[in-house]
Amino acid sequence: MAEDWIVRPALAADVDAVYELAGRTGPGFTNLPHDRDALRQRLERSERSFTADLTGPDDELYMFVLEETASGRIAGTALIFSRVGTKKPFYSYKITRLSQYSRQLDRIVTTEVLNLVNDFAGASEVGGLFLVPELRRSGLGVLLARSRYLFMALHRERFSEQVLTELRGYQEPDGVSPFWEGLTKRFFNLEFAEADRFHALNGNQFIADLMPKYPIYTILLPPEAQAAIGKPHPAGAAAMKLLEAEGFRHEGYVDLFDAGPTMQAQVGDLLTVKDSASAMAQNDPAPEAGGQMRLLLAAGRLCDFRAWQGHGRIADAGETLHLTPQSMARGRLSDHDFALYVPMP
């Protein structure tokens, strides 16, 4: 059941479990490289971020894991970068439309153009969302995704107002990236899998270094590469719908590597943040029949953060949150502690 799981900050001691998950993500999932040393470094960086004394974002990484409370099994990950594009460029392609007119032919030709930009400098980024396939219809993917927004709601000073996310770009069933094959590969002596691994470990600066800085006319690309621009990986189509429901928009930015869509929003406009409210928790061992609501819940600062799903009853004009003993235990709550809650369908 979804209520048997929590989302918590990842620890350096989770490296073996996270490494096992990274081996199941498939190509193009650059935020979770299947490299033990790289993952260890990211987990250590995440622990430093959770313990840092900050008044504003400064290129932190916050990594979370989904844990089954009874067994300790880890079955998913999610992360937040507090600020991108300031200590090193965060390059994207921006799709623009160019129209040109010939008076002699009385004809207008319209084409799309890819422009190399660093428009998201200073924004926060959410990513690294992975859940093992056998649990993907359990509601736990929603818990993982929305836990990041609840963490941001509880720690607004640590994040920018703008938040973005990059989705994995479209790949053929055999793992081939049409955009890579049709454009990017022409400037590198690398196969997609090799470039994907390098990208995961080192970022996309190498692409920006060697790709032309001039606008790229998409009409010159193979049809397969053109069709892949802004199209998510088949495994990410459902995630894109969740992001749209949350308030993210795709406004013409795509990834340099595989042309996956980059989506953006304002933190305050995210559905989870807008719908969340704070109330004082109260242990309710004998909840009223029919008075319970299904809730997304979060509590705790920084290293003590927990997010989970449970049932509760809102009372006293929204100031008191009656929770079952199980929900209280999930969040390590005592009577009169405060928790964030979001009603769920």
Protein backbone atom coordinates (compact mmCIF):
# COMPACT_ATOMS: atom_id res chain seq x y z
CA MET A 1 0.00 0.00 0.00
CA ALA A 2 1.11 3.57 -0.70
CA GLU A 3 0.75 4.43 2.99
CA ASP A 4 3.52 1.97 3.87
CA TRP A 5 6.15 4.21 2.24
CA ILE A 6 7.86 7.50 3.05
CA VAL A 7 10.08 9.91 1.14
CA ARG A 8 13.14 11.01 3.12
CA PRO A 9 16.53 12.65 2.46
CA ALA A 10 19.04 10.27 0.93
CA LEU A 11 22.10 9.32 2.96
CA ALA A 12 25.62 8.36 1.92
CA ALA A 13 24.82 4.93 3.39
CA ASP A 14 22.13 4.48 0.68
CA VAL A 15 24.75 4.22 -2.07
CA ASP A 16 24.30 0.47 -2.69
CA ALA A 17 20.52 0.73 -2.98
CA VAL A 18 20.72 3.82 -5.21
CA TYR A 19 23.37 2.16 -7.38
CA GLU A 20 21.03 -0.80 -7.89
CA LEU A 21 18.22 1.56 -8.94
CA ALA A 22 20.54 3.41 -11.32
CA GLY A 23 21.18 0.14 -13.13
CA ARG A 24 17.47 -0.06 -13.99
CA THR A 25 16.92 3.45 -15.39
CA GLY A 26 18.05 2.85 -18.97
CA PRO A 27 19.95 5.24 -21.26
CA GLY A 28 19.34 8.97 -21.12
CA PHE A 29 18.66 9.16 -17.37
CA THR A 30 21.60 11.42 -16.64
CA ASN A 31 20.68 12.47 -13.09
CA LEU A 32 21.20 8.93 -11.82
CA PRO A 33 24.38 7.58 -13.47
CA HIS A 34 25.15 3.91 -13.02
CA ASP A 35 28.53 4.69 -11.50
CA ARG A 36 29.14 3.97 -7.83
CA ASP A 37 31.79 6.67 -7.31
CA ALA A 38 29.67 9.32 -9.02
CA LEU A 39 26.64 8.35 -6.95
CA ARG A 40 28.66 8.35 -3.75
CA GLN A 41 29.86 11.88 -4.52
CA ARG A 42 26.30 13.03 -5.22
CA LEU A 43 24.98 11.50 -2.02
CA GLU A 44 27.76 13.17 -0.03
CA ARG A 45 27.00 16.48 -1.74
CA SER A 46 23.33 16.01 -0.90
CA GLU A 47 24.11 15.37 2.78
CA ARG A 48 26.19 18.57 2.88
CA SER A 49 23.30 20.48 1.32
CA PHE A 50 20.79 19.26 3.89
CA THR A 51 23.07 20.26 6.76
CA ALA A 52 24.25 23.62 5.35
CA ASP A 53 23.25 26.85 7.09
CA LEU A 54 21.84 28.94 4.24
CA THR A 55 19.70 31.99 3.64
CA GLY A 56 19.48 31.56 -0.13
CA PRO A 57 20.16 29.00 -2.89
CA ASP A 58 23.81 28.35 -3.77
CA ASP A 59 24.05 25.36 -6.13
CA GLU A 60 22.92 22.71 -3.61
CA LEU A 61 21.73 19.23 -4.49
CA TYR A 62 18.97 17.64 -2.42
CA MET A 63 18.41 13.94 -3.11
CA PHE A 64 15.47 11.95 -1.75
CA VAL A 65 14.65 8.26 -1.63
CA LEU A 66 11.40 6.35 -1.36
CA GLU A 67 11.60 3.86 1.52
CA GLU A 68 9.26 1.14 2.68
CA THR A 69 8.93 1.71 6.41
CA ALA A 70 8.63 -1.92 7.45
CA SER A 71 11.49 -3.39 5.43
CA GLY A 72 13.75 -0.41 4.71
CA ARG A 73 13.61 -1.24 1.00
CA ILE A 74 14.45 1.71 -1.28
CA ALA A 75 12.45 1.74 -4.50
CA GLY A 76 12.74 5.24 -5.94
CA THR A 77 14.64 8.51 -6.07
CA ALA A 78 14.00 12.19 -6.69
CA LEU A 79 16.15 15.30 -6.43
CA ILE A 80 16.26 19.09 -6.51
CA PHE A 81 19.06 21.37 -7.67
CA SER A 82 18.68 24.65 -5.79
CA ARG A 83 20.20 26.88 -8.48
CA VAL A 84 21.53 26.05 -11.95
CA GLY A 85 23.44 27.95 -14.59
CA THR A 86 25.42 30.26 -12.29
CA LYS A 87 28.64 28.37 -11.51
CA LYS A 88 28.62 26.77 -14.95
CA PRO A 89 26.28 27.46 -17.89
CA PHE A 90 22.99 25.59 -18.11
CA TYR A 91 22.57 25.39 -21.86
CA SER A 92 19.35 24.63 -23.71
CA TYR A 93 18.04 24.98 -27.21
CA LYS A 94 15.21 27.45 -27.60
CA ILE A 95 12.88 26.75 -30.51
CA THR A 96 11.89 29.85 -32.45
CA ARG A 97 9.97 30.20 -35.70
CA LEU A 98 11.48 32.15 -38.59
CA SER A 99 9.48 33.31 -41.60
CA GLN A 100 11.08 34.68 -44.76
CA TYR A 101 9.28 36.20 -47.76
CA SER A 102 10.30 36.37 -51.40
CA ARG A 103 8.56 39.12 -53.34
CA GLN A 104 9.63 37.61 -56.67
CA LEU A 105 8.16 34.20 -55.88
CA ASP A 106 5.38 35.64 -53.71
CA ARG A 107 6.12 32.92 -51.23
CA ILE A 108 6.65 32.74 -47.47
CA VAL A 109 8.91 30.01 -46.07
CA THR A 110 8.56 29.28 -42.36
CA THR A 111 10.96 27.05 -40.45
CA GLU A 112 11.90 26.36 -36.86
CA VAL A 113 15.33 27.34 -35.58
CA LEU A 114 17.27 26.02 -32.57
CA ASN A 115 19.14 28.74 -30.66
CA LEU A 116 21.73 27.96 -27.97
CA VAL A 117 20.72 29.83 -24.78
CA ASN A 118 21.40 30.01 -21.04
CA ASP A 119 17.96 31.42 -20.18
CA PHE A 120 17.48 29.39 -16.99
CA ALA A 121 20.50 30.74 -15.10
CA GLY A 122 19.53 31.02 -11.44
CA ALA A 123 16.46 28.77 -11.58
CA SER A 124 15.90 25.71 -9.40
CA GLU A 125 15.56 22.32 -11.08
CA VAL A 126 13.68 19.17 -10.12
CA GLY A 127 14.72 15.86 -11.64
CA GLY A 128 16.05 12.39 -10.95
CA LEU A 129 12.54 10.96 -10.57
CA PHE A 130 12.75 7.18 -10.80
CA LEU A 131 10.44 4.50 -9.44
CA VAL A 132 10.90 0.78 -9.99
CA PRO A 133 8.47 -0.43 -12.70
CA GLU A 134 6.59 -2.87 -10.46
CA LEU A 135 5.34 0.00 -8.27
CA ARG A 136 4.40 2.51 -10.95
CA ARG A 137 0.64 2.04 -10.68
CA SER A 138 0.58 2.31 -6.91
CA GLY A 139 0.40 6.09 -6.52
CA LEU A 140 3.98 6.18 -5.24
CA GLY A 141 5.20 8.07 -8.31
CA VAL A 142 2.88 10.94 -7.35
CA LEU A 143 4.21 10.84 -3.78
CA LEU A 144 7.82 10.96 -5.00
CA ALA A 145 7.20 13.80 -7.45
CA ARG A 146 5.12 15.98 -5.13
CA SER A 147 7.37 15.45 -2.12
CA ARG A 148 9.90 17.73 -3.83
CA TYR A 149 7.38 20.56 -4.05
CA LEU A 150 6.43 20.11 -0.40
CA PHE A 151 10.11 20.30 0.55
CA MET A 152 10.37 23.52 -1.45
CA ALA A 153 7.24 24.87 0.26
CA LEU A 154 8.80 24.19 3.68
CA HIS A 155 12.16 25.72 2.68
CA ARG A 156 11.29 28.54 0.28
CA GLU A 157 14.40 30.53 1.21
CA ARG A 158 16.62 27.78 -0.26
CA PHE A 159 15.14 27.91 -3.76
CA SER A 160 14.55 30.31 -6.62
CA GLU A 161 11.13 31.50 -7.66
CA GLN A 162 11.47 29.79 -11.04
CA VAL A 163 11.68 26.00 -11.23
CA LEU A 164 12.34 23.83 -14.27
CA THR A 165 12.60 20.18 -15.16
CA GLU A 166 14.12 18.34 -18.11
CA LEU A 167 12.46 15.23 -19.45
CA ARG A 168 14.35 12.47 -21.20
CA GLY A 169 14.10 12.84 -24.96
CA TYR A 170 12.50 10.41 -27.36
CA GLN A 171 14.33 7.18 -28.15
CA GLU A 172 13.49 4.36 -30.52
CA PRO A 173 12.69 0.95 -28.96
CA ASP A 174 16.29 -0.14 -29.61
CA GLY A 175 17.61 2.83 -27.61
CA VAL A 176 18.63 5.01 -30.56
CA SER A 177 18.10 8.76 -30.13
CA PRO A 178 16.96 10.22 -33.49
CA PHE A 179 18.03 13.72 -32.48
CA TRP A 180 21.50 12.57 -31.47
CA GLU A 181 21.89 10.57 -34.68
CA GLY A 182 20.51 13.35 -36.86
CA LEU A 183 22.41 16.29 -35.41
CA THR A 184 24.62 16.04 -32.36
CA LYS A 185 26.56 12.93 -33.39
CA ARG A 186 27.82 14.73 -36.50
CA PHE A 187 30.06 16.86 -34.27
CA PHE A 188 31.35 14.05 -32.02
CA ASN A 189 33.06 10.75 -32.60
CA LEU A 190 30.83 9.07 -30.02
CA GLU A 191 27.99 6.58 -30.05
CA PHE A 192 24.85 7.55 -28.13
CA ALA A 193 25.46 5.15 -25.21
CA GLU A 194 29.03 6.39 -24.73
CA ALA A 195 27.98 10.04 -24.96
CA ASP A 196 25.06 9.36 -22.59
CA ARG A 197 27.42 7.99 -19.96
CA PHE A 198 29.80 10.93 -20.32
CA HIS A 199 26.84 13.32 -20.13
CA ALA A 200 25.61 11.68 -16.92
CA LEU A 201 29.00 12.00 -15.24
CA ASN A 202 30.10 15.39 -16.56
CA GLY A 203 27.05 17.37 -17.72
CA ASN A 204 26.39 18.79 -21.18
CA GLN A 205 29.20 21.38 -21.33
CA PHE A 206 31.11 19.21 -23.81
CA ILE A 207 28.18 19.45 -26.21
CA ALA A 208 28.02 23.21 -25.89
CA ASP A 209 31.81 23.41 -26.42
CA LEU A 210 31.79 21.55 -29.73
CA MET A 211 28.37 22.26 -31.22
CA PRO A 212 28.03 25.27 -33.52
CA LYS A 213 27.01 28.46 -31.75
CA TYR A 214 24.93 29.63 -34.70
CA PRO A 215 21.19 28.92 -35.03
CA ILE A 216 20.36 25.50 -36.43
CA TYR A 217 17.58 25.28 -39.00
CA THR A 218 15.57 22.19 -38.20
CA ILE A 219 14.49 21.80 -41.83
CA LEU A 220 18.04 20.62 -42.56
CA LEU A 221 17.71 17.72 -40.13
CA PRO A 222 16.41 14.25 -41.02
CA PRO A 223 12.64 13.89 -40.54
CA GLU A 224 13.17 11.50 -37.61
CA ALA A 225 15.31 14.06 -35.79
CA GLN A 226 12.80 16.84 -36.47
CA ALA A 227 9.94 14.71 -35.11
CA ALA A 228 11.90 13.99 -31.90
CA ILE A 229 12.34 17.66 -30.92
CA GLY A 230 10.37 18.35 -27.76
CA LYS A 231 9.05 14.78 -27.62
CA PRO A 232 9.52 12.89 -24.33
CA HIS A 233 10.85 9.37 -23.96
CA PRO A 234 7.97 6.85 -24.11
CA ALA A 235 8.58 6.07 -20.42
CA GLY A 236 8.25 9.78 -19.60
CA ALA A 237 4.92 10.54 -21.27
CA ALA A 238 2.97 9.94 -18.06
CA ALA A 239 5.46 12.08 -16.11
CA MET A 240 4.92 14.93 -18.56
CA LYS A 241 1.16 14.80 -17.95
CA LEU A 242 1.74 14.91 -14.19
CA LEU A 243 4.00 17.94 -14.64
CA GLU A 244 1.39 19.70 -16.74
CA ALA A 245 -1.26 18.99 -14.10
CA GLU A 246 1.14 20.41 -11.48
CA GLY A 247 1.48 23.66 -13.44
CA PHE A 248 4.62 23.18 -15.53
CA ARG A 249 4.58 24.45 -19.11
CA HIS A 250 6.66 23.57 -22.16
CA GLU A 251 7.52 26.87 -23.79
CA GLY A 252 9.88 25.84 -26.55
CA TYR A 253 13.04 24.85 -24.69
CA VAL A 254 14.68 21.45 -25.29
CA ASP A 255 17.77 19.60 -24.09
CA LEU A 256 20.99 19.82 -26.11
CA PHE A 257 21.62 16.11 -25.85
CA ASP A 258 18.41 14.43 -26.99
CA ALA A 259 15.96 17.35 -27.52
CA GLY A 260 13.75 16.25 -24.62
CA PRO A 261 11.32 18.94 -23.43
CA THR A 262 12.35 21.40 -20.73
CA MET A 263 9.33 22.53 -18.69
CA GLN A 264 9.10 25.49 -16.33
CA ALA A 265 6.89 27.05 -13.65
CA GLN A 266 6.93 29.45 -10.73
CA VAL A 267 7.23 27.66 -7.37
CA GLY A 268 4.27 29.58 -5.96
CA ASP A 269 2.10 28.50 -8.90
CA LEU A 270 2.69 24.76 -8.42
CA LEU A 271 -0.54 22.98 -7.52
CA THR A 272 1.03 21.19 -4.55
CA VAL A 273 2.37 24.44 -3.11
CA LYS A 274 -0.86 26.36 -3.70
CA ASP A 275 -3.04 23.62 -2.21
CA SER A 276 -0.86 22.93 0.82
CA ALA A 277 -1.78 24.16 4.28
CA SER A 278 -0.15 23.91 7.69
CA ALA A 279 -1.97 22.56 10.73
CA MET A 280 -1.21 21.25 14.21
CA ALA A 281 -1.13 17.46 14.28
CA GLN A 282 -3.20 15.54 16.80
CA ASN A 283 -3.03 11.80 17.35
CA ASP A 284 -6.46 10.24 16.75
CA PRO A 285 -6.48 6.52 17.70
CA ALA A 286 -10.22 6.21 17.01
CA PRO A 287 -10.97 8.29 13.90
CA GLU A 288 -14.59 9.07 13.15
CA ALA A 289 -16.15 6.77 10.57
CA GLY A 290 -16.49 8.57 7.26
CA GLY A 291 -14.67 11.66 8.49
CA GLN A 292 -11.28 10.78 7.11
CA MET A 293 -9.67 12.32 4.01
CA ARG A 294 -6.81 10.96 1.93
CA LEU A 295 -3.91 13.35 2.36
CA LEU A 296 -0.43 14.02 1.06
CA LEU A 297 1.59 14.96 4.15
CA ALA A 298 5.00 16.41 4.95
CA ALA A 299 6.79 17.47 8.10
CA GLY A 300 10.27 18.17 9.43
CA ARG A 301 13.07 20.55 8.52
CA LEU A 302 15.98 19.56 6.28
CA CYS A 303 17.45 16.20 7.43
CA ASP A 304 14.27 15.45 9.38
CA PHE A 305 12.00 15.97 6.37
CA ARG A 306 9.45 13.24 5.67
CA ALA A 307 6.67 13.05 3.09
CA TRP A 308 4.01 10.35 3.07
CA GLN A 309 0.39 9.52 2.27
CA GLY A 310 -2.17 8.96 4.98
CA HIS A 311 -5.67 9.59 6.17
CA GLY A 312 -6.74 12.36 8.49
CA ARG A 313 -9.49 14.74 9.50
CA ILE A 314 -9.19 18.52 9.33
CA ALA A 315 -10.85 20.35 12.23
CA ASP A 316 -10.99 23.73 13.98
CA ALA A 317 -11.29 25.73 10.75
CA GLY A 318 -8.21 24.04 9.32
CA GLU A 319 -5.99 24.62 12.35
CA THR A 320 -5.95 21.03 13.62
CA LEU A 321 -5.11 17.88 11.72
CA HIS A 322 -6.33 14.64 13.30
CA LEU A 323 -4.13 11.79 12.08
CA THR A 324 -4.09 8.07 12.71
CA PRO A 325 -1.25 6.71 14.86
CA GLN A 326 0.25 5.18 11.71
CA SER A 327 0.40 8.57 9.97
CA MET A 328 1.83 10.21 13.07
CA ALA A 329 4.57 7.57 13.15
CA ARG A 330 5.37 7.96 9.45
CA GLY A 331 6.14 11.64 9.97
CA ARG A 332 7.75 11.22 13.40
CA LEU A 333 5.08 13.57 14.71
CA SER A 334 4.05 14.24 18.29
CA ASP A 335 0.90 16.02 19.36
CA HIS A 336 1.03 19.75 18.57
CA ASP A 337 3.76 19.40 15.93
CA PHE A 338 2.94 21.13 12.68
CA ALA A 339 2.60 19.35 9.33
CA LEU A 340 1.80 20.36 5.78
CA TYR A 341 -1.11 18.60 4.15
CA VAL A 342 -2.64 18.52 0.67
CA PRO A 343 -6.02 16.84 0.09
CA MET A 344 -5.79 14.10 -2.55
CA PRO A 345 -8.51 12.67 -4.81
